[in-house]
Amino acid sequence: MADIVDSRTRSRMMSNIRGRNTKPEVSLRKALHRAGFRFRINARRLPGTPDIVLPKWQTVIFVHGCFWHRHPGCRKATKPATNIEFWTQKFDANVERDAKAVAQLLSLGWRTAIVWECAVMPRIGDELIEQVGDFIRGAGGRQIEFGG
């Protein structure tokens, strides 16, 4: 299936996609703050620049977009029909970079959580915040994923 917009329009649309302060990130941060957690955001000194860093708990949280980070089995993790080779390489590099960052963080002693976009949007649930809070406080091992 061909793209429904011209390449110039598609380029403009893609350039507007943000990497920081996305709606899922902001939603999760607000909910965590309401739950009493204090944190730093986008810590560039740590591998992978985690979206949320809770130094007191030695925990980092990545809020991953299902499309860009290839959430397995998610309906939002579609593959574009055009320029397939480019997208395959792009997605593979994203997944590899994510895995490398998590491995480095674990080796440095950080606990890591990945919260998928589909778990947060369109509305974040109290149950998710409770589960994330439990993980932050020490439940659930060193690594966990929260997905829809």
Protein backbone atom coordinates (compact mmCIF):
# COMPACT_ATOMS: atom_id res chain seq x y z
CA MET A 1 0.00 0.00 0.00
CA ALA A 2 1.38 3.38 -0.99
CA ASP A 3 1.71 6.25 1.45
CA ILE A 4 -1.32 8.53 1.49
CA VAL A 5 0.77 11.71 1.75
CA ASP A 6 3.70 12.96 -0.32
CA SER A 7 7.26 12.52 0.93
CA ARG A 8 7.63 16.17 1.92
CA THR A 9 4.53 16.05 4.11
CA ARG A 10 5.58 12.72 5.62
CA SER A 11 9.02 14.16 6.44
CA ARG A 12 7.42 17.14 8.19
CA MET A 13 5.08 14.85 10.13
CA MET A 14 7.92 12.58 11.26
CA SER A 15 10.09 15.51 12.34
CA ASN A 16 7.35 16.60 14.76
CA ILE A 17 7.57 13.38 16.77
CA ARG A 18 9.14 14.13 20.13
CA GLY A 19 11.61 12.02 22.05
CA ARG A 20 11.10 13.71 25.43
CA ASN A 21 8.08 14.85 27.38
CA THR A 22 5.70 12.69 25.40
CA LYS A 23 2.11 12.35 26.61
CA PRO A 24 2.70 8.86 28.07
CA GLU A 25 5.83 10.10 29.92
CA VAL A 26 4.13 13.17 31.35
CA SER A 27 1.09 11.14 32.37
CA LEU A 28 3.23 8.60 34.22
CA ARG A 29 5.36 11.30 35.87
CA LYS A 30 2.27 13.14 37.14
CA ALA A 31 0.80 9.93 38.55
CA LEU A 32 4.07 8.95 40.25
CA HIS A 33 4.41 12.44 41.73
CA ARG A 34 0.84 12.26 43.09
CA ALA A 35 1.78 8.90 44.63
CA GLY A 36 4.61 10.60 46.53
CA PHE A 37 7.61 9.62 44.40
CA ARG A 38 10.28 12.21 43.66
CA PHE A 39 12.55 11.72 40.67
CA ARG A 40 14.77 13.21 38.01
CA ILE A 41 13.99 13.09 34.31
CA ASN A 42 16.11 12.32 31.24
CA ALA A 43 19.34 11.60 33.11
CA ARG A 44 21.94 11.92 30.37
CA ARG A 45 24.71 10.61 32.61
CA LEU A 46 23.11 7.15 32.66
CA PRO A 47 23.11 4.66 29.76
CA GLY A 48 20.08 5.08 27.54
CA THR A 49 19.09 8.42 29.13
CA PRO A 50 16.24 6.98 31.24
CA ASP A 51 12.98 8.92 31.17
CA ILE A 52 12.50 8.74 34.95
CA VAL A 53 15.26 8.21 37.53
CA LEU A 54 14.57 7.52 41.18
CA PRO A 55 18.03 7.69 42.81
CA LYS A 56 16.69 6.99 46.32
CA TRP A 57 15.41 3.63 45.05
CA GLN A 58 18.26 2.98 42.56
CA THR A 59 15.53 2.57 39.92
CA VAL A 60 15.07 3.89 36.40
CA ILE A 61 11.96 3.85 34.22
CA PHE A 62 11.80 3.97 30.45
CA VAL A 63 8.47 4.94 28.88
CA HIS A 64 8.58 3.28 25.47
CA GLY A 65 6.37 4.05 22.52
CA CYS A 66 4.98 0.77 21.20
CA PHE A 67 5.63 1.70 17.55
CA TRP A 68 9.20 2.95 17.89
CA HIS A 69 10.44 0.37 20.39
CA ARG A 70 8.52 -2.60 18.91
CA HIS A 71 6.29 -3.76 21.75
CA PRO A 72 5.86 -7.50 21.06
CA GLY A 73 2.28 -8.45 20.26
CA CYS A 74 0.96 -4.88 20.46
CA ARG A 75 -1.42 -3.60 17.81
CA LYS A 76 0.40 -0.24 17.85
CA ALA A 77 3.68 -1.87 16.75
CA THR A 78 2.74 -1.85 13.08
CA LYS A 79 5.28 -1.86 10.28
CA PRO A 80 5.07 0.75 7.50
CA ALA A 81 4.30 -0.65 4.06
CA THR A 82 6.79 1.55 2.22
CA ASN A 83 10.57 1.75 2.52
CA ILE A 84 10.57 -1.57 4.39
CA GLU A 85 14.36 -1.99 4.48
CA PHE A 86 14.84 1.41 6.13
CA TRP A 87 12.19 0.76 8.77
CA THR A 88 13.45 -2.73 9.54
CA GLN A 89 16.96 -1.38 10.15
CA LYS A 90 15.60 1.54 12.18
CA PHE A 91 13.46 -0.67 14.42
CA ASP A 92 16.21 -3.29 14.87
CA ALA A 93 18.67 -0.56 15.91
CA ASN A 94 16.16 0.86 18.41
CA VAL A 95 15.54 -2.55 20.01
CA GLU A 96 19.28 -3.30 20.13
CA ARG A 97 20.07 0.09 21.68
CA ASP A 98 17.33 -0.42 24.29
CA ALA A 99 18.64 -3.87 25.27
CA LYS A 100 22.20 -2.56 25.53
CA ALA A 101 21.13 0.34 27.78
CA VAL A 102 19.15 -1.96 30.10
CA ALA A 103 22.08 -4.41 30.33
CA GLN A 104 24.47 -1.56 31.19
CA LEU A 105 22.12 -0.17 33.83
CA LEU A 106 21.67 -3.59 35.42
CA SER A 107 25.45 -4.07 35.53
CA LEU A 108 25.75 -0.70 37.30
CA GLY A 109 23.28 -1.87 39.95
CA TRP A 110 20.18 -0.02 38.75
CA ARG A 111 16.76 -1.66 38.74
CA THR A 112 14.97 -1.05 35.42
CA ALA A 113 11.34 -0.84 34.43
CA ILE A 114 9.87 -0.40 30.98
CA VAL A 115 6.38 1.05 30.82
CA TRP A 116 4.83 0.66 27.38
CA GLU A 117 2.76 3.43 25.87
CA CYS A 118 -0.32 1.16 25.58
CA ALA A 119 -0.32 0.66 29.37
CA VAL A 120 -0.49 4.41 29.97
CA MET A 121 -2.64 5.74 27.14
CA PRO A 122 -5.34 6.85 26.78
CA ARG A 123 -5.63 6.92 30.57
CA ILE A 124 -3.31 5.66 33.25
CA GLY A 125 -4.96 3.33 35.74
CA ASP A 126 -4.59 3.22 39.51
CA GLU A 127 -3.62 -0.46 39.30
CA LEU A 128 -0.65 0.35 37.03
CA ILE A 129 0.59 3.08 39.37
CA GLU A 130 0.27 0.69 42.30
CA GLN A 131 2.28 -1.97 40.43
CA VAL A 132 4.96 0.51 39.37
CA GLY A 133 5.11 1.85 42.93
CA ASP A 134 5.56 -1.67 44.30
CA PHE A 135 8.40 -2.27 41.85
CA ILE A 136 10.07 1.01 42.79
CA ARG A 137 9.90 0.06 46.47
CA GLY A 138 11.67 -3.23 45.77
CA ALA A 139 9.11 -5.83 44.64
CA GLY A 140 9.52 -7.76 41.42
CA GLY A 141 13.24 -8.29 41.01
CA ARG A 142 15.67 -6.12 39.07
CA GLN A 143 13.85 -5.74 35.77
CA ILE A 144 10.18 -5.58 34.78
CA GLU A 145 7.89 -4.50 31.95
CA PHE A 146 4.41 -3.05 32.21
CA GLY A 147 2.35 -3.35 29.05
CA GLY A 148 -1.24 -3.34 27.92
